[in-house]
Amino acid sequence: MDILILPSDLAPFVKVMPLGENNDVGEQVRCLCVNPGRLSKGDKGGYFVDLNYQGSPQTSSASIVNI
């Protein structure tokens, strides 16, 4: 599984996306897409991501943390 982290000004999110291809055992390849938002917004706090990768999307977890 690939992990794509792209901070932006859009609303923060974590999503598992299919890539449209299969791996060696016939399972669909997936990508964990994360937009943690901006770490800081001017003089205010922003967001960061707490990512716990366990080898597959089903056993991994991620959360967006507001600071």
PDB file of N, CA and C in Angstrom:
ATOM      1  N   MET A   1       0.843  -1.173   0.000  1.00  0.00           N
ATOM      2  CA  MET A   1       0.000   0.000   0.000  1.00  0.00           C
ATOM      3  C   MET A   1       0.889   1.236   0.000  1.00  0.00           C
ATOM      4  N   ASP A   2       0.488   2.217  -0.771  1.00  0.00           N
ATOM      5  CA  ASP A   2       1.190   3.494  -0.827  1.00  0.00           C
ATOM      6  C   ASP A   2       0.526   4.472   0.132  1.00  0.00           C
ATOM      7  N   ILE A   3       1.289   5.447   0.590  1.00  0.00           N
ATOM      8  CA  ILE A   3       0.763   6.514   1.443  1.00  0.00           C
ATOM      9  C   ILE A   3       1.056   7.839   0.752  1.00  0.00           C
ATOM     10  N   LEU A   4       0.016   8.647   0.548  1.00  0.00           N
ATOM     11  CA  LEU A   4       0.133   9.954  -0.090  1.00  0.00           C
ATOM     12  C   LEU A   4      -0.262  11.011   0.935  1.00  0.00           C
ATOM     13  N   ILE A   5       0.664  11.894   1.282  1.00  0.00           N
ATOM     14  CA  ILE A   5       0.390  12.966   2.239  1.00  0.00           C
ATOM     15  C   ILE A   5       0.551  14.291   1.511  1.00  0.00           C
ATOM     16  N   LEU A   6      -0.552  15.015   1.375  1.00  0.00           N
ATOM     17  CA  LEU A   6      -0.557  16.297   0.674  1.00  0.00           C
ATOM     18  C   LEU A   6      -1.307  17.338   1.503  1.00  0.00           C
ATOM     19  N   PRO A   7      -0.612  18.164   2.268  1.00  0.00           N
ATOM     20  CA  PRO A   7      -1.303  19.205   3.020  1.00  0.00           C
ATOM     21  C   PRO A   7      -1.858  20.272   2.079  1.00  0.00           C
ATOM     22  N   SER A   8      -3.052  20.750   2.397  1.00  0.00           N
ATOM     23  CA  SER A   8      -3.657  21.807   1.590  1.00  0.00           C
ATOM     24  C   SER A   8      -4.595  22.631   2.455  1.00  0.00           C
ATOM     25  N   ASP A   9      -5.185  23.646   1.861  1.00  0.00           N
ATOM     26  CA  ASP A   9      -6.134  24.494   2.572  1.00  0.00           C
ATOM     27  C   ASP A   9      -7.541  23.904   2.588  1.00  0.00           C
ATOM     28  N   LEU A  10      -7.753  22.787   1.904  1.00  0.00           N
ATOM     29  CA  LEU A  10      -9.051  22.114   1.945  1.00  0.00           C
ATOM     30  C   LEU A  10      -9.268  21.488   3.317  1.00  0.00           C
ATOM     31  N   ALA A  11     -10.477  21.020   3.583  1.00  0.00           N
ATOM     32  CA  ALA A  11     -10.781  20.387   4.866  1.00  0.00           C
ATOM     33  C   ALA A  11      -9.904  19.147   5.060  1.00  0.00           C
ATOM     34  N   PRO A  12      -9.331  18.950   6.254  1.00  0.00           N
ATOM     35  CA  PRO A  12      -8.486  17.779   6.510  1.00  0.00           C
ATOM     36  C   PRO A  12      -9.276  16.479   6.358  1.00  0.00           C
ATOM     37  N   PHE A  13      -8.615  15.427   5.826  1.00  0.00           N
ATOM     38  CA  PHE A  13      -9.271  14.129   5.678  1.00  0.00           C
ATOM     39  C   PHE A  13      -8.247  13.011   5.604  1.00  0.00           C
ATOM     40  N   VAL A  14      -8.704  11.785   5.861  1.00  0.00           N
ATOM     41  CA  VAL A  14      -7.944  10.551   5.660  1.00  0.00           C
ATOM     42  C   VAL A  14      -8.867   9.612   4.912  1.00  0.00           C
ATOM     43  N   LYS A  15      -8.395   9.054   3.794  1.00  0.00           N
ATOM     44  CA  LYS A  15      -9.248   8.200   2.973  1.00  0.00           C
ATOM     45  C   LYS A  15      -8.408   7.116   2.309  1.00  0.00           C
ATOM     46  N   VAL A  16      -8.932   5.889   2.261  1.00  0.00           N
ATOM     47  CA  VAL A  16      -8.287   4.799   1.528  1.00  0.00           C
ATOM     48  C   VAL A  16      -8.902   4.766   0.137  1.00  0.00           C
ATOM     49  N   MET A  17      -8.046   4.899  -0.885  1.00  0.00           N
ATOM     50  CA  MET A  17      -8.516   4.958  -2.267  1.00  0.00           C
ATOM     51  C   MET A  17      -7.986   3.764  -3.055  1.00  0.00           C
ATOM     52  N   PRO A  18      -8.840   3.108  -3.869  1.00  0.00           N
ATOM     53  CA  PRO A  18      -8.344   2.042  -4.749  1.00  0.00           C
ATOM     54  C   PRO A  18      -7.581   2.659  -5.918  1.00  0.00           C
ATOM     55  N   LEU A  19      -6.522   1.966  -6.358  1.00  0.00           N
ATOM     56  CA  LEU A  19      -5.721   2.470  -7.474  1.00  0.00           C
ATOM     57  C   LEU A  19      -6.108   1.842  -8.805  1.00  0.00           C
ATOM     58  N   GLY A  20      -7.043   0.891  -8.804  1.00  0.00           N
ATOM     59  CA  GLY A  20      -7.521   0.312 -10.049  1.00  0.00           C
ATOM     60  C   GLY A  20      -6.659  -0.788 -10.617  1.00  0.00           C
ATOM     61  N   GLU A  21      -5.732  -1.317  -9.842  1.00  0.00           N
ATOM     62  CA  GLU A  21      -4.904  -2.435 -10.302  1.00  0.00           C
ATOM     63  C   GLU A  21      -4.836  -3.486  -9.199  1.00  0.00           C
ATOM     64  N   ASN A  22      -4.409  -4.684  -9.541  1.00  0.00           N
ATOM     65  CA  ASN A  22      -4.320  -5.775  -8.575  1.00  0.00           C
ATOM     66  C   ASN A  22      -2.862  -6.105  -8.288  1.00  0.00           C
ATOM     67  N   ASN A  23      -2.606  -6.599  -7.064  1.00  0.00           N
ATOM     68  CA  ASN A  23      -1.245  -7.006  -6.714  1.00  0.00           C
ATOM     69  C   ASN A  23      -1.020  -8.467  -7.095  1.00  0.00           C
ATOM     70  N   ASP A  24       0.069  -9.072  -6.617  1.00  0.00           N
ATOM     71  CA  ASP A  24       0.450 -10.436  -6.994  1.00  0.00           C
ATOM     72  C   ASP A  24      -0.572 -11.495  -6.587  1.00  0.00           C
ATOM     73  N   VAL A  25      -1.305 -11.257  -5.501  1.00  0.00           N
ATOM     74  CA  VAL A  25      -2.277 -12.255  -5.028  1.00  0.00           C
ATOM     75  C   VAL A  25      -3.712 -11.906  -5.433  1.00  0.00           C
ATOM     76  N   GLY A  26      -3.878 -10.954  -6.332  1.00  0.00           N
ATOM     77  CA  GLY A  26      -5.189 -10.625  -6.865  1.00  0.00           C
ATOM     78  C   GLY A  26      -5.977  -9.606  -6.063  1.00  0.00           C
ATOM     79  N   GLU A  27      -5.396  -9.058  -4.984  1.00  0.00           N
ATOM     80  CA  GLU A  27      -6.089  -8.033  -4.203  1.00  0.00           C
ATOM     81  C   GLU A  27      -5.916  -6.671  -4.869  1.00  0.00           C
ATOM     82  N   GLN A  28      -6.917  -5.827  -4.697  1.00  0.00           N
ATOM     83  CA  GLN A  28      -6.836  -4.495  -5.289  1.00  0.00           C
ATOM     84  C   GLN A  28      -5.811  -3.643  -4.536  1.00  0.00           C
ATOM     85  N   VAL A  29      -4.953  -2.958  -5.280  1.00  0.00           N
ATOM     86  CA  VAL A  29      -3.943  -2.085  -4.688  1.00  0.00           C
ATOM     87  C   VAL A  29      -4.639  -0.831  -4.176  1.00  0.00           C
ATOM     88  N   ARG A  30      -4.260  -0.393  -2.984  1.00  0.00           N
ATOM     89  CA  ARG A  30      -4.892   0.776  -2.373  1.00  0.00           C
ATOM     90  C   ARG A  30      -3.843   1.798  -1.965  1.00  0.00           C
ATOM     91  N   CYS A  31      -4.301   3.021  -1.821  1.00  0.00           N
ATOM     92  CA  CYS A  31      -3.443   4.119  -1.396  1.00  0.00           C
ATOM     93  C   CYS A  31      -4.121   4.829  -0.225  1.00  0.00           C
ATOM     94  N   LEU A  32      -3.380   5.077   0.838  1.00  0.00           N
ATOM     95  CA  LEU A  32      -3.892   5.836   1.973  1.00  0.00           C
ATOM     96  C   LEU A  32      -3.606   7.306   1.691  1.00  0.00           C
ATOM     97  N   CYS A  33      -4.650   8.087   1.418  1.00  0.00           N
ATOM     98  CA  CYS A  33      -4.518   9.508   1.087  1.00  0.00           C
ATOM     99  C   CYS A  33      -4.819  10.340   2.326  1.00  0.00           C
ATOM    100  N   VAL A  34      -3.907  11.238   2.663  1.00  0.00           N
ATOM    101  CA  VAL A  34      -4.043  12.046   3.871  1.00  0.00           C
ATOM    102  C   VAL A  34      -3.859  13.515   3.521  1.00  0.00           C
ATOM    103  N   ASN A  35      -4.826  14.336   3.905  1.00  0.00           N
ATOM    104  CA  ASN A  35      -4.679  15.785   3.860  1.00  0.00           C
ATOM    105  C   ASN A  35      -4.766  16.258   5.307  1.00  0.00           C
ATOM    106  N   PRO A  36      -3.617  16.486   5.963  1.00  0.00           N
ATOM    107  CA  PRO A  36      -3.671  16.920   7.355  1.00  0.00           C
ATOM    108  C   PRO A  36      -4.014  18.398   7.513  1.00  0.00           C
ATOM    109  N   GLY A  37      -4.169  19.122   6.431  1.00  0.00           N
ATOM    110  CA  GLY A  37      -4.387  20.559   6.517  1.00  0.00           C
ATOM    111  C   GLY A  37      -3.063  21.265   6.745  1.00  0.00           C
ATOM    112  N   ARG A  38      -3.110  22.478   7.197  1.00  0.00           N
ATOM    113  CA  ARG A  38      -1.888  23.257   7.447  1.00  0.00           C
ATOM    114  C   ARG A  38      -1.514  23.162   8.927  1.00  0.00           C
ATOM    115  N   LEU A  39      -0.203  23.070   9.197  1.00  0.00           N
ATOM    116  CA  LEU A  39       0.264  22.987  10.578  1.00  0.00           C
ATOM    117  C   LEU A  39      -0.054  24.265  11.342  1.00  0.00           C
ATOM    118  N   SER A  40       0.042  25.399  10.669  1.00  0.00           N
ATOM    119  CA  SER A  40      -0.334  26.656  11.311  1.00  0.00           C
ATOM    120  C   SER A  40      -1.056  27.524  10.301  1.00  0.00           C
ATOM    121  N   LYS A  41      -1.948  28.334  10.826  1.00  0.00           N
ATOM    122  CA  LYS A  41      -2.705  29.259   9.982  1.00  0.00           C
ATOM    123  C   LYS A  41      -2.525  30.653  10.563  1.00  0.00           C
ATOM    124  N   GLY A  42      -1.497  31.342  10.086  1.00  0.00           N
ATOM    125  CA  GLY A  42      -1.199  32.662  10.629  1.00  0.00           C
ATOM    126  C   GLY A  42      -0.725  32.542  12.066  1.00  0.00           C
ATOM    127  N   ASP A  43      -1.382  33.237  12.989  1.00  0.00           N
ATOM    128  CA  ASP A  43      -0.993  33.169  14.399  1.00  0.00           C
ATOM    129  C   ASP A  43      -1.781  32.112  15.164  1.00  0.00           C
ATOM    130  N   LYS A  44      -2.664  31.373  14.480  1.00  0.00           N
ATOM    131  CA  LYS A  44      -3.455  30.315  15.117  1.00  0.00           C
ATOM    132  C   LYS A  44      -2.853  28.952  14.815  1.00  0.00           C
ATOM    133  N   GLY A  45      -3.202  27.974  15.622  1.00  0.00           N
ATOM    134  CA  GLY A  45      -2.773  26.603  15.366  1.00  0.00           C
ATOM    135  C   GLY A  45      -3.532  26.012  14.190  1.00  0.00           C
ATOM    136  N   GLY A  46      -3.011  24.944  13.649  1.00  0.00           N
ATOM    137  CA  GLY A  46      -3.644  24.281  12.514  1.00  0.00           C
ATOM    138  C   GLY A  46      -3.898  22.819  12.829  1.00  0.00           C
ATOM    139  N   TYR A  47      -3.442  21.914  11.955  1.00  0.00           N
ATOM    140  CA  TYR A  47      -3.698  20.487  12.085  1.00  0.00           C
ATOM    141  C   TYR A  47      -2.430  19.696  11.808  1.00  0.00           C
ATOM    142  N   PHE A  48      -2.383  18.472  12.332  1.00  0.00           N
ATOM    143  CA  PHE A  48      -1.379  17.502  11.917  1.00  0.00           C
ATOM    144  C   PHE A  48      -2.023  16.126  11.958  1.00  0.00           C
ATOM    145  N   VAL A  49      -1.363  15.136  11.350  1.00  0.00           N
ATOM    146  CA  VAL A  49      -1.923  13.789  11.286  1.00  0.00           C
ATOM    147  C   VAL A  49      -1.124  12.862  12.195  1.00  0.00           C
ATOM    148  N   ASP A  50      -1.835  12.011  12.934  1.00  0.00           N
ATOM    149  CA  ASP A  50      -1.234  10.950  13.741  1.00  0.00           C
ATOM    150  C   ASP A  50      -1.498   9.652  12.997  1.00  0.00           C
ATOM    151  N   LEU A  51      -0.464   9.105  12.324  1.00  0.00           N
ATOM    152  CA  LEU A  51      -0.603   7.947  11.443  1.00  0.00           C
ATOM    153  C   LEU A  51       0.068   6.738  12.075  1.00  0.00           C
ATOM    154  N   ASN A  52      -0.690   5.640  12.226  1.00  0.00           N
ATOM    155  CA  ASN A  52      -0.179   4.388  12.774  1.00  0.00           C
ATOM    156  C   ASN A  52      -0.345   3.325  11.699  1.00  0.00           C
ATOM    157  N   TYR A  53       0.721   3.084  10.920  1.00  0.00           N
ATOM    158  CA  TYR A  53       0.654   2.152   9.796  1.00  0.00           C
ATOM    159  C   TYR A  53       0.992   0.745  10.268  1.00  0.00           C
ATOM    160  N   GLN A  54       0.093  -0.215  10.021  1.00  0.00           N
ATOM    161  CA  GLN A  54       0.259  -1.595  10.472  1.00  0.00           C
ATOM    162  C   GLN A  54       0.363  -2.583   9.315  1.00  0.00           C
ATOM    163  N   GLY A  55       0.675  -2.135   8.104  1.00  0.00           N
ATOM    164  CA  GLY A  55       0.884  -3.035   6.981  1.00  0.00           C
ATOM    165  C   GLY A  55      -0.266  -3.146   6.007  1.00  0.00           C
ATOM    166  N   SER A  56      -1.461  -2.759   6.399  1.00  0.00           N
ATOM    167  CA  SER A  56      -2.606  -2.792   5.491  1.00  0.00           C
ATOM    168  C   SER A  56      -3.613  -1.731   5.921  1.00  0.00           C
ATOM    169  N   PRO A  57      -4.499  -1.312   5.018  1.00  0.00           N
ATOM    170  CA  PRO A  57      -5.497  -0.302   5.379  1.00  0.00           C
ATOM    171  C   PRO A  57      -6.445  -0.772   6.480  1.00  0.00           C
ATOM    172  N   GLN A  58      -6.713  -2.073   6.533  1.00  0.00           N
ATOM    173  CA  GLN A  58      -7.653  -2.599   7.520  1.00  0.00           C
ATOM    174  C   GLN A  58      -7.093  -2.536   8.939  1.00  0.00           C
ATOM    175  N   THR A  59      -5.776  -2.611   9.094  1.00  0.00           N
ATOM    176  CA  THR A  59      -5.181  -2.612  10.431  1.00  0.00           C
ATOM    177  C   THR A  59      -4.477  -1.305  10.762  1.00  0.00           C
ATOM    178  N   SER A  60      -4.486  -0.344   9.861  1.00  0.00           N
ATOM    179  CA  SER A  60      -3.841   0.949  10.091  1.00  0.00           C
ATOM    180  C   SER A  60      -4.864   1.943  10.615  1.00  0.00           C
ATOM    181  N   SER A  61      -4.364   2.996  11.257  1.00  0.00           N
ATOM    182  CA  SER A  61      -5.263   4.047  11.718  1.00  0.00           C
ATOM    183  C   SER A  61      -4.590   5.399  11.516  1.00  0.00           C
ATOM    184  N   ALA A  62      -5.410   6.395  11.328  1.00  0.00           N
ATOM    185  CA  ALA A  62      -4.914   7.760  11.191  1.00  0.00           C
ATOM    186  C   ALA A  62      -5.960   8.701  11.759  1.00  0.00           C
ATOM    187  N   SER A  63      -5.504   9.754  12.385  1.00  0.00           N
ATOM    188  CA  SER A  63      -6.435  10.750  12.897  1.00  0.00           C
ATOM    189  C   SER A  63      -5.850  12.137  12.662  1.00  0.00           C
ATOM    190  N   ILE A  64      -6.732  13.076  12.393  1.00  0.00           N
ATOM    191  CA  ILE A  64      -6.358  14.469  12.201  1.00  0.00           C
ATOM    192  C   ILE A  64      -6.477  15.152  13.562  1.00  0.00           C
ATOM    193  N   VAL A  65      -5.414  15.822  13.989  1.00  0.00           N
ATOM    194  CA  VAL A  65      -5.380  16.453  15.304  1.00  0.00           C
ATOM    195  C   VAL A  65      -5.345  17.966  15.123  1.00  0.00           C
ATOM    196  N   ASN A  66      -6.258  18.659  15.784  1.00  0.00           N
ATOM    197  CA  ASN A  66      -6.339  20.115  15.741  1.00  0.00           C
ATOM    198  C   ASN A  66      -5.505  20.676  16.884  1.00  0.00           C
ATOM    199  N   ILE A  67      -4.599  21.618  16.568  1.00  0.00           N
ATOM    200  CA  ILE A  67      -3.769  22.212  17.626  1.00  0.00           C
ATOM    201  C   ILE A  67      -4.074  23.678  17.795  1.00  0.00           C
TER     202      ILE A  67
END
